[in-house]
């Protein structure tokens, strides 16, 4: 494959300030924000094959005045290379490679949506490396899939082409253009307030990598279920979720809160899947207050 995967001009312009870091034989696009000696937060974006470091940079990057925040495009997403497998085991190993590369003994692990899946996976696979966890709009298993389908069918906002819905949900898209088309179909469901123009801007700015998306949704997710092991997570955990989240509803966060012993949950009443954007100030305050208490800054 090429060393620098093709991405949209909009995405490249928005994410040009990065460095290439070779982790486990794969070049990742990485950005390091914040003071060198500050406690480290590693964040994992959502939506493999659709997500990128742009979202966690915009949200967790707000904490870079006090913390050292690492944002990156996961293997197979954004601008990073896509060699090898896209399994949860491999993505978790890549996170630990980044931790080692940045020189942190322990980290705060954070992520939203699919990034939340990987945050919990990492905490279970590398428990000695995690000091605290921050989750956003995520799920401990794949049960959110049927809830999301029901919510899509019940939406009075738009009429969803369920053939496209199923193709993206089951990891059966044909190529990057097909992934883009299916993404455009379901994006109106995400936000608390529907703005068609904003949806189209997101469609055009997204970097499409259909191979990683298909693997994640057709191979990883059917067997994804961390519920039996979540009681093993012993570090402080913050769970945040938007009240109107259609794809990982509040009930999914409630399950996580019940199973992780030292956890707390905050619901954002005027948000969909992205309270870090829709109620940015309140969400950031909640995360910062939590981190100050459980893993305080050193500067």
Protein backbone atom coordinates (compact mmCIF):
# COMPACT_ATOMS: atom_id res chain seq x y z
CA UNK A 1 0.00 0.00 0.00
CA UNK A 2 1.07 3.64 -0.31
CA UNK A 3 2.90 5.20 2.62
CA UNK A 4 0.43 8.10 2.88
CA UNK A 5 -3.15 6.96 2.25
CA UNK A 6 -5.41 9.15 0.14
CA UNK A 7 -7.63 11.45 2.22
CA UNK A 8 -10.00 14.28 1.39
CA UNK A 9 -8.44 17.76 0.90
CA UNK A 10 -10.63 19.05 3.74
CA UNK A 11 -9.33 16.39 6.13
CA UNK A 12 -5.72 16.88 5.08
CA UNK A 13 -6.00 20.63 5.64
CA UNK A 14 -7.52 20.12 9.09
CA UNK A 15 -4.97 17.53 10.21
CA UNK A 16 -1.70 18.60 8.63
CA UNK A 17 0.26 19.09 11.88
CA UNK A 18 1.31 15.58 12.80
CA UNK A 19 4.27 13.25 12.94
CA UNK A 20 4.66 9.72 11.66
CA UNK A 21 5.34 7.16 14.37
CA UNK A 22 6.02 3.52 13.51
CA UNK A 23 4.14 1.28 15.93
CA UNK A 24 4.11 -2.49 15.50
CA UNK A 25 5.24 -2.25 11.88
CA UNK A 26 2.62 0.32 10.91
CA UNK A 27 3.05 4.08 10.47
CA UNK A 28 0.52 6.05 12.50
CA UNK A 29 -0.29 9.75 12.16
CA UNK A 30 0.14 11.12 15.69
CA UNK A 31 -0.15 14.50 17.39
CA UNK A 32 1.20 15.29 20.85
CA UNK A 33 -0.44 18.21 22.63
CA UNK A 34 0.43 19.81 25.95
CA UNK A 35 3.39 20.10 28.35
CA UNK A 36 6.10 17.44 28.23
CA UNK A 37 6.04 16.60 31.94
CA UNK A 38 2.27 16.55 32.38
CA UNK A 39 0.21 13.37 33.01
CA UNK A 40 -0.57 11.61 29.73
CA UNK A 41 -4.00 11.09 28.19
CA UNK A 42 -4.21 8.81 25.14
CA UNK A 43 -7.46 9.16 23.22
CA UNK A 44 -8.95 6.81 20.64
CA UNK A 45 -11.31 8.11 17.98
CA UNK A 46 -14.52 6.32 17.03
CA UNK A 47 -15.79 4.81 13.78
CA UNK A 48 -12.92 2.76 12.31
CA UNK A 49 -12.53 3.68 8.66
CA UNK A 50 -14.52 6.89 9.21
CA UNK A 51 -13.09 8.45 12.36
CA UNK A 52 -9.81 10.26 12.79
CA UNK A 53 -7.76 12.12 15.37
CA UNK A 54 -9.58 15.35 14.47
CA UNK A 55 -12.45 14.68 16.90
CA UNK A 56 -10.42 13.80 20.01
CA UNK A 57 -8.04 16.64 19.20
CA UNK A 58 -10.97 19.06 19.26
CA UNK A 59 -12.45 17.65 22.48
CA UNK A 60 -9.66 16.24 24.66
CA UNK A 61 -7.27 18.77 23.21
CA UNK A 62 -9.01 21.33 25.45
CA UNK A 63 -7.24 19.65 28.36
CA UNK A 64 -3.78 20.15 26.86
CA UNK A 65 -3.19 23.19 29.10
CA UNK A 66 -2.71 20.73 31.99
CA UNK A 67 -2.28 17.29 30.44
CA UNK A 68 -0.16 15.76 27.66
CA UNK A 69 -2.79 14.61 25.18
CA UNK A 70 -1.94 12.05 22.50
CA UNK A 71 -4.30 11.87 19.52
CA UNK A 72 -3.75 9.58 16.55
CA UNK A 73 -5.36 7.93 13.56
CA UNK A 74 -5.77 4.26 14.38
CA UNK A 75 -4.33 1.63 12.05
CA UNK A 76 -6.48 1.68 8.89
CA UNK A 77 -8.16 5.04 9.62
CA UNK A 78 -7.48 8.65 8.71
CA UNK A 79 -3.96 9.09 7.40
CA UNK A 80 -2.38 6.09 9.13
CA UNK A 81 -1.21 3.00 7.30
CA UNK A 82 -3.47 -0.01 7.21
CA UNK A 83 -1.09 -2.97 7.26
CA UNK A 84 -1.99 -6.17 9.08
CA UNK A 85 -5.20 -6.89 10.94
CA UNK A 86 -7.80 -4.53 12.38
CA UNK A 87 -8.61 -6.64 15.41
CA UNK A 88 -9.24 -5.22 18.88
CA UNK A 89 -6.13 -7.05 20.06
CA UNK A 90 -4.00 -5.29 17.44
CA UNK A 91 -5.53 -1.85 18.03
CA UNK A 92 -4.98 -2.26 21.79
CA UNK A 93 -1.36 -3.28 21.17
CA UNK A 94 -0.95 -0.14 19.05
CA UNK A 95 -2.23 1.98 21.94
CA UNK A 96 0.32 0.40 24.23
CA UNK A 97 3.03 0.99 21.64
CA UNK A 98 2.12 4.68 21.68
CA UNK A 99 2.21 4.72 25.48
CA UNK A 100 5.69 3.24 25.41
CA UNK A 101 6.78 5.63 22.65
CA UNK A 102 5.68 8.69 24.62
CA UNK A 103 7.42 7.34 27.75
CA UNK A 104 4.46 7.08 30.12
CA UNK A 105 4.28 4.37 32.76
CA UNK A 106 0.57 5.00 33.26
CA UNK A 107 -2.01 6.88 31.23
CA UNK A 108 -5.55 8.12 31.30
CA UNK A 109 -7.27 6.13 28.54
CA UNK A 110 -10.15 7.89 26.83
CA UNK A 111 -12.47 7.45 23.89
CA UNK A 112 -15.96 7.83 22.55
CA UNK A 113 -18.22 5.52 20.57
CA UNK A 114 -15.99 2.80 19.04
CA UNK A 115 -13.14 4.59 20.76
CA UNK A 116 -14.92 3.70 23.98
CA UNK A 117 -14.86 0.05 22.95
CA UNK A 118 -11.10 0.31 22.54
CA UNK A 119 -10.68 2.25 25.79
CA UNK A 120 -12.31 -0.59 27.74
CA UNK A 121 -10.44 -3.21 25.71
CA UNK A 122 -7.14 -1.54 26.51
CA UNK A 123 -7.96 -1.23 30.21
CA UNK A 124 -8.70 -4.96 30.37
CA UNK A 125 -5.68 -6.03 28.32
CA UNK A 126 -3.15 -3.67 29.97
CA UNK A 127 -4.61 -2.95 33.43
CA UNK A 128 -1.28 -2.04 34.98
CA UNK A 129 -0.90 0.84 32.52
CA UNK A 130 -4.21 2.63 33.20
CA UNK A 131 -4.69 5.26 35.91
CA UNK A 132 -8.21 6.37 34.95
CA UNK A 133 -10.75 6.01 32.16
CA UNK A 134 -12.99 8.51 30.37
CA UNK A 135 -15.77 7.10 28.17
CA UNK A 136 -18.26 8.88 25.92
CA UNK A 137 -21.38 7.49 24.24
CA UNK A 138 -20.30 3.88 24.03
CA UNK A 139 -21.37 0.32 24.81
CA UNK A 140 -19.98 -2.75 26.56
CA UNK A 141 -21.32 -5.15 23.94
CA UNK A 142 -22.98 -5.22 20.54
CA UNK A 143 -26.53 -4.99 21.90
CA UNK A 144 -26.63 -1.35 20.88
CA UNK A 145 -26.90 -2.52 17.24
CA UNK A 146 -30.55 -3.58 17.52
CA UNK A 147 -31.36 -0.47 19.59
CA UNK A 148 -29.80 1.72 16.91
CA UNK A 149 -31.78 -0.01 14.17
CA UNK A 150 -35.02 0.51 16.09
CA UNK A 151 -34.17 4.18 16.62
CA UNK A 152 -33.34 4.64 12.94
CA UNK A 153 -36.66 3.12 11.90
CA UNK A 154 -38.55 5.27 14.41
CA UNK A 155 -36.89 8.55 13.46
CA UNK A 156 -39.23 11.34 12.39
CA UNK A 157 -36.27 13.44 11.25
CA UNK A 158 -35.48 11.66 7.99
CA UNK A 159 -36.53 8.49 6.21
CA UNK A 160 -33.56 6.12 6.26
CA UNK A 161 -32.81 3.78 3.36
CA UNK A 162 -32.51 0.64 5.46
CA UNK A 163 -30.61 -1.21 2.74
CA UNK A 164 -27.82 1.35 3.09
CA UNK A 165 -28.20 1.27 6.87
CA UNK A 166 -27.71 -2.48 6.94
CA UNK A 167 -24.76 -2.33 4.55
CA UNK A 168 -22.81 0.07 6.76
CA UNK A 169 -23.98 -1.56 10.00
CA UNK A 170 -22.96 -5.06 8.91
CA UNK A 171 -19.64 -4.04 7.36
CA UNK A 172 -20.63 -4.82 3.79
CA UNK A 173 -19.81 -1.59 1.98
CA UNK A 174 -18.23 -2.05 -1.44
CA UNK A 175 -15.59 0.69 -1.52
CA UNK A 176 -14.82 4.15 -0.13
CA UNK A 177 -17.48 5.84 -2.26
CA UNK A 178 -20.10 3.37 -1.06
CA UNK A 179 -19.03 3.97 2.53
CA UNK A 180 -19.42 7.71 1.94
CA UNK A 181 -22.89 7.21 0.50
CA UNK A 182 -24.01 5.05 3.43
CA UNK A 183 -22.46 7.47 5.92
CA UNK A 184 -24.42 10.34 4.40
CA UNK A 185 -27.58 8.28 4.87
CA UNK A 186 -27.24 7.79 8.63
CA UNK A 187 -25.48 11.02 9.70
CA UNK A 188 -28.77 12.96 10.17
CA UNK A 189 -29.50 10.71 13.16
CA UNK A 190 -26.49 11.75 15.21
CA UNK A 191 -26.99 15.32 16.36
CA UNK A 192 -29.44 16.74 18.91
CA UNK A 193 -30.43 19.45 16.41
CA UNK A 194 -30.58 18.36 12.77
CA UNK A 195 -28.73 20.67 10.37
CA UNK A 196 -28.61 19.30 6.79
CA UNK A 197 -25.81 21.67 5.79
CA UNK A 198 -23.68 20.59 8.76
CA UNK A 199 -24.30 16.96 7.83
CA UNK A 200 -23.01 17.54 4.31
CA UNK A 201 -19.93 19.33 5.62
CA UNK A 202 -19.17 16.30 7.80
CA UNK A 203 -19.67 13.96 4.85
CA UNK A 204 -17.14 15.87 2.78
CA UNK A 205 -14.58 16.20 5.61
CA UNK A 206 -14.57 12.51 6.57
CA UNK A 207 -11.60 10.33 5.50
CA UNK A 208 -13.04 7.08 4.11
CA UNK A 209 -11.20 3.77 4.62
CA UNK A 210 -13.71 1.03 3.91
CA UNK A 211 -11.44 -1.95 4.67
CA UNK A 212 -11.07 -1.03 8.34
CA UNK A 213 -14.76 -0.24 8.63
CA UNK A 214 -15.83 -3.55 7.13
CA UNK A 215 -13.48 -5.55 9.33
CA UNK A 216 -14.62 -3.78 12.47
CA UNK A 217 -18.32 -4.26 11.80
CA UNK A 218 -18.31 -7.70 10.19
CA UNK A 219 -15.54 -9.42 12.19
CA UNK A 220 -14.99 -7.58 15.50
CA UNK A 221 -18.45 -6.53 16.58
CA UNK A 222 -20.49 -9.74 16.26
CA UNK A 223 -18.42 -11.26 19.08
CA UNK A 224 -17.86 -8.04 21.05
CA UNK A 225 -19.01 -8.39 24.68
CA UNK A 226 -16.98 -7.03 27.60
CA UNK A 227 -19.75 -7.24 30.19
CA UNK A 228 -18.44 -10.41 31.92
CA UNK A 229 -15.09 -8.71 32.57
CA UNK A 230 -15.94 -5.08 33.34
CA UNK A 231 -15.90 -5.78 37.08
CA UNK A 232 -12.14 -6.27 36.68
CA UNK A 233 -11.64 -2.57 35.91
CA UNK A 234 -10.56 -1.09 39.21
CA UNK A 235 -9.56 2.44 38.22
CA UNK A 236 -11.79 5.53 38.44
CA UNK A 237 -14.04 5.71 35.38
CA UNK A 238 -16.12 8.58 34.04
CA UNK A 239 -18.96 7.70 31.67
CA UNK A 240 -20.55 10.51 29.66
CA UNK A 241 -23.49 10.23 27.26
CA UNK A 242 -25.99 12.39 25.41
CA UNK A 243 -29.63 11.93 26.37
CA UNK A 244 -30.71 11.71 22.70
CA UNK A 245 -27.90 9.40 21.55
CA UNK A 246 -29.52 7.10 18.99
CA UNK A 247 -26.69 4.64 18.33
CA UNK A 248 -25.32 3.98 21.85
CA UNK A 249 -28.32 5.04 23.96
CA UNK A 250 -28.19 6.00 27.64
CA UNK A 251 -29.15 2.45 28.59
CA UNK A 252 -25.79 1.23 27.22
CA UNK A 253 -23.90 3.64 29.48
CA UNK A 254 -26.06 2.59 32.44
CA UNK A 255 -24.92 -1.01 31.92
CA UNK A 256 -21.27 0.06 31.98
CA UNK A 257 -21.85 2.14 35.13
CA UNK A 258 -23.45 -0.83 36.86
CA UNK A 259 -20.57 -3.17 35.99
CA UNK A 260 -17.48 -1.00 36.59
CA UNK A 261 -17.21 -0.66 40.38
CA UNK A 262 -15.50 2.72 40.67
CA UNK A 263 -17.47 4.56 38.01
CA UNK A 264 -19.72 7.57 37.69
CA UNK A 265 -22.01 8.68 34.88
CA UNK A 266 -23.04 12.09 33.58
CA UNK A 267 -25.93 12.48 31.13
CA UNK A 268 -26.04 15.57 28.90
CA UNK A 269 -29.66 16.48 28.32
CA UNK A 270 -29.28 18.51 25.11
CA UNK A 271 -26.94 16.22 23.21
CA UNK A 272 -27.12 13.35 20.80
CA UNK A 273 -24.07 11.17 20.17
CA UNK A 274 -21.62 14.05 20.70
CA UNK A 275 -21.96 15.98 23.98
CA UNK A 276 -18.29 16.93 23.61
CA UNK A 277 -19.47 19.14 20.73
CA UNK A 278 -23.10 19.91 21.50
CA UNK A 279 -22.53 20.80 25.17
CA UNK A 280 -18.81 21.39 24.88
CA UNK A 281 -18.30 23.60 27.93
CA UNK A 282 -20.30 21.41 30.31
CA UNK A 283 -18.71 18.22 28.97
CA UNK A 284 -15.19 19.60 29.27
CA UNK A 285 -15.88 20.84 32.80
CA UNK A 286 -17.15 17.39 33.79
CA UNK A 287 -14.07 15.65 32.39
CA UNK A 288 -11.63 18.17 33.85
CA UNK A 289 -13.26 18.04 37.30
CA UNK A 290 -13.11 14.23 37.25
CA UNK A 291 -9.46 14.16 36.19
CA UNK A 292 -8.45 16.79 38.75
CA UNK A 293 -9.87 14.53 41.44
CA UNK A 294 -8.51 11.15 40.29
CA UNK A 295 -5.35 12.01 38.29
CA UNK A 296 -4.45 15.64 39.02
CA UNK A 297 -2.16 17.68 36.78
CA UNK A 298 1.38 18.29 37.95
CA UNK A 299 1.75 21.83 36.61
